[in-house]
Each structure stands twice: as C-alpha cells, then as structure tokens.
Amino acid sequence: MQRIARTRLIIQPQESALGVTAAYLALHELFGRMVPAGHDALVALVSHVPQLAASTLMDVAATHEEQHRALLRLAAGGFRDMTRIAASHPEIWLDILAANRAAVLDGLDAYLAALQAARRWIADGDTDALTGLLARARSARRNLPVGAVAAAEDRKSTRLNSSHITI
C-alpha cells in the first residue's frame, strides 16, 4: 500500500479491481440509492425487528421450559430456524437498537399490529383472513431475491480476516 497526499491507495492486480468493480455494480443494481431514513426503516424491518422477534420468542420458550422441561427438546426445525439469530451477541444489538430507535419502534408497531390481527382472526375463527395472511407470507417468502442476498441465507458462516462471523 502506498500513501499519496494523506490518501491510502491500494494497488491490486487488475483481476481483483475488476472483481471489486463488478461487486460494487451488482450491489448498486440490487439495492439502488436511497435516503438514510428509508434505509433505516427497511433495515429495521428485515434485520432489527426479526432479531427482537427471535430473541423474544426464544425468551418466552425458555421461560416456559422451566415449567415444561420437555418444551425445548421438542423444538423442531421451524422453531430452530426462527430463533437462530437469537444467539447473536447482545452487546452488538444494544448499539444497533439505540442508533435506529425510531425506525425499530415503527417496525415493532407494524409487527405487533399484524400479530394482534392474526390473534383476532384465530380467536374469531376467521379462516379466510388467516388463509390470506399465510398465502401472502408464503408468496412473499418464495419471492425473496436470489443471488448475493439469498446466498447469505444458505451460508452458516463466513470467514473475514482471521475471525469467524456467523451470518
């Protein structure tokens, strides 16, 4: 690495530069441009609220496990998939949730309203509304983008420098 007028210049072989350029263009095409508030709102919905949902569900199950020792032993794939991210380190999330407080609260409000509606439909026996919810969710889940974004879903971990980071 050379220093030029207080700027770091990293000199790499041409192939690496092309790879970085291609990755940048692919990400730009995938995500486009957005204002910070829009980014915060989207990230809250697809990252921060799911973290809280997984952590809360795991906490509720663990609390009930004291009363029903077999509960967590019965946890099947869906529960394990849903709560995988609850194993994340709390310190990281405290900073993230504080930094994006307003967007997280908006996302939580939307999620809680949706859960309350689902609860009401179950209580009322409204199978049409429940079918609509489940069908919309299934369709949305099946239409998640593939490629760079979806690849993270398929990986269990990745290596960055000499550290292991769970994705």
Foldseek 3Di string as FASTA:
>chain_A
DDDDPNDDDDDDDPVVVVVVVVVVVVVCVVPPDDDPVVVLLVCLQPPVLLLVVLLVVVVVQVVCCVVVVCSVVPDDPVNCLSNVSPPDDVVVSVVVCVVSVVSNVVNVVVVVVVVVVVVVCVVVVVVVVVVVVVVVVVVVVVPDDDDPVCVLVVDQWDDDDNDIDGD
